[in-house]
Protein backbone atom coordinates (compact mmCIF):
# COMPACT_ATOMS: atom_id res chain seq x y z
CA UNK A 1 39.28 5.30 39.40
CA UNK A 2 36.70 4.92 36.73
CA UNK A 3 37.13 2.75 33.67
CA UNK A 4 35.05 2.94 30.55
CA UNK A 5 34.41 -0.36 28.91
CA UNK A 6 33.50 -0.29 25.27
CA UNK A 7 32.23 -3.24 23.36
CA UNK A 8 31.84 -3.32 19.65
CA UNK A 9 29.24 -5.32 17.82
CA UNK A 10 29.12 -6.24 14.20
CA UNK A 11 25.62 -5.78 12.89
CA UNK A 12 24.76 -7.90 9.94
CA UNK A 13 21.67 -6.99 8.00
CA UNK A 14 19.77 -9.73 6.39
CA UNK A 15 17.80 -8.94 3.28
CA UNK A 16 14.48 -10.78 3.21
CA UNK A 17 12.42 -11.21 0.10
CA UNK A 18 8.68 -10.78 0.46
CA UNK A 19 6.90 -13.68 -1.15
CA UNK A 20 3.15 -13.13 -1.69
CA UNK A 21 0.74 -16.06 -1.46
CA UNK A 22 0.06 -17.94 -4.68
CA UNK A 23 -3.31 -17.94 -6.38
CA UNK A 24 -4.46 -14.45 -5.42
CA UNK A 25 -3.41 -12.17 -8.28
CA UNK A 26 -6.09 -9.61 -7.41
CA UNK A 27 -4.47 -8.96 -4.05
CA UNK A 28 -0.83 -9.71 -4.86
CA UNK A 29 -0.22 -9.28 -8.59
CA UNK A 30 2.93 -11.15 -9.52
CA UNK A 31 4.69 -11.87 -12.75
CA UNK A 32 4.56 -15.59 -13.50
CA UNK A 33 7.89 -17.33 -13.29
CA UNK A 34 8.94 -19.34 -16.34
CA UNK A 35 9.95 -22.22 -14.06
CA UNK A 36 6.81 -22.21 -11.93
CA UNK A 37 3.64 -24.03 -13.03
CA UNK A 38 0.51 -21.87 -13.32
CA UNK A 39 -1.30 -21.20 -10.08
CA UNK A 40 -4.72 -22.73 -9.50
CA UNK A 41 -7.66 -20.31 -9.66
CA UNK A 42 -8.90 -18.74 -6.46
CA UNK A 43 -11.80 -20.63 -4.89
CA UNK A 44 -15.21 -19.17 -5.51
CA UNK A 45 -16.68 -17.29 -2.62
CA UNK A 46 -20.34 -18.05 -1.96
CA UNK A 47 -21.19 -14.36 -1.65
CA UNK A 48 -21.39 -12.22 1.41
CA UNK A 49 -21.79 -13.98 4.72
CA UNK A 50 -24.36 -12.21 6.86
CA UNK A 51 -24.18 -12.62 10.63
CA UNK A 52 -26.67 -12.25 13.40
CA UNK A 53 -25.50 -11.98 17.00
CA UNK A 54 -27.47 -12.67 20.15
CA UNK A 55 -26.49 -12.27 23.79
CA UNK A 56 -27.69 -13.83 27.01
CA UNK A 57 -26.48 -12.18 30.21
CA UNK A 58 -26.91 -13.35 33.80
CA UNK A 59 -25.27 -12.42 37.09
CA UNK A 60 -23.82 -15.18 39.26
CA UNK A 61 -25.39 -15.63 42.66
CA UNK A 62 -22.32 -17.50 43.96
CA UNK A 63 -24.45 -20.56 44.77
CA UNK A 64 -25.56 -22.33 41.62
CA UNK A 65 -23.85 -23.60 38.50
CA UNK A 66 -26.99 -23.93 36.34
CA UNK A 67 -28.65 -20.92 34.73
CA UNK A 68 -31.84 -20.74 32.70
CA UNK A 69 -33.67 -18.20 30.58
CA UNK A 70 -35.44 -16.94 33.72
CA UNK A 71 -32.05 -15.86 35.18
CA UNK A 72 -31.38 -13.45 32.29
CA UNK A 73 -30.78 -9.78 32.95
CA UNK A 74 -33.16 -8.47 30.30
CA UNK A 75 -31.53 -5.03 30.20
CA UNK A 76 -28.34 -6.61 28.80
CA UNK A 77 -29.76 -9.65 26.95
CA UNK A 78 -31.08 -9.84 23.40
CA UNK A 79 -32.20 -13.47 23.66
CA UNK A 80 -32.55 -16.42 25.95
CA UNK A 81 -30.18 -19.39 25.82
CA UNK A 82 -30.42 -20.60 22.23
CA UNK A 83 -30.03 -24.14 20.91
CA UNK A 84 -26.29 -24.52 20.13
CA UNK A 85 -27.19 -26.69 17.11
CA UNK A 86 -29.02 -23.77 15.49
CA UNK A 87 -26.16 -21.26 15.67
CA UNK A 88 -22.68 -21.22 14.12
CA UNK A 89 -20.59 -20.08 17.10
CA UNK A 90 -21.17 -19.98 20.87
CA UNK A 91 -18.83 -18.14 23.25
CA UNK A 92 -19.12 -17.99 27.04
CA UNK A 93 -17.51 -15.11 28.93
CA UNK A 94 -17.31 -15.26 32.72
CA UNK A 95 -16.25 -11.94 34.22
CA UNK A 96 -15.13 -10.88 30.73
CA UNK A 97 -12.86 -13.90 30.19
CA UNK A 98 -13.56 -16.28 27.30
CA UNK A 99 -14.09 -19.81 28.63
CA UNK A 100 -13.01 -23.03 26.89
CA UNK A 101 -15.96 -25.19 25.77
CA UNK A 102 -15.00 -28.11 28.04
CA UNK A 103 -16.00 -26.05 31.12
CA UNK A 104 -19.70 -25.73 30.28
CA UNK A 105 -22.66 -27.39 28.59
CA UNK A 106 -25.35 -25.51 26.69
CA UNK A 107 -28.81 -26.88 25.96
CA UNK A 108 -31.80 -24.88 24.75
CA UNK A 109 -32.75 -22.67 27.69
CA UNK A 110 -30.04 -24.03 30.03
CA UNK A 111 -26.37 -23.21 30.77
CA UNK A 112 -24.53 -25.67 33.04
CA UNK A 113 -21.11 -24.65 34.37
CA UNK A 114 -18.46 -27.04 35.69
CA UNK A 115 -17.80 -24.71 38.63
CA UNK A 116 -19.67 -22.09 40.62
CA UNK A 117 -18.65 -18.52 39.70
CA UNK A 118 -18.07 -15.88 42.38
CA UNK A 119 -21.14 -13.89 43.39
CA UNK A 120 -21.80 -10.81 41.26
CA UNK A 121 -19.77 -11.98 38.27
CA UNK A 122 -21.41 -11.48 34.85
CA UNK A 123 -22.02 -14.54 32.68
CA UNK A 124 -22.36 -13.66 29.00
CA UNK A 125 -23.27 -16.16 26.31
CA UNK A 126 -22.66 -14.89 22.79
CA UNK A 127 -24.42 -16.64 19.92
CA UNK A 128 -23.40 -15.99 16.30
CA UNK A 129 -25.38 -17.22 13.28
CA UNK A 130 -23.61 -17.10 9.92
CA UNK A 131 -25.98 -16.93 6.97
CA UNK A 132 -24.79 -17.25 3.39
CA UNK A 133 -26.80 -14.91 1.20
């Protein structure tokens, strides 16, 4: 004998009001509220920010945890290991995975890892310079 069980649910719709961010009338034009004080002006932007990207690529030998400019795979690299104080952002990818900065040290021409990567794994250092024009 088969029984059909039916349950009923009451669906309550909630109406949400979209509230745009204050101070950006060019993006979200809003009518000023009589009870709201005037919004502060948008901060000035310094102009376009130009970026330059550089990449150092090496292949792990499975033995060492220190790599230098001489270990670069020139076919995939656009630079050596740059001075981290002369760039805006440095990212290290080991086997395509972004690594947290506490696992490595970068000095001009030298990358020191806290562990030894598996042999054949690519090590990619990405350097980004942000230049205000």
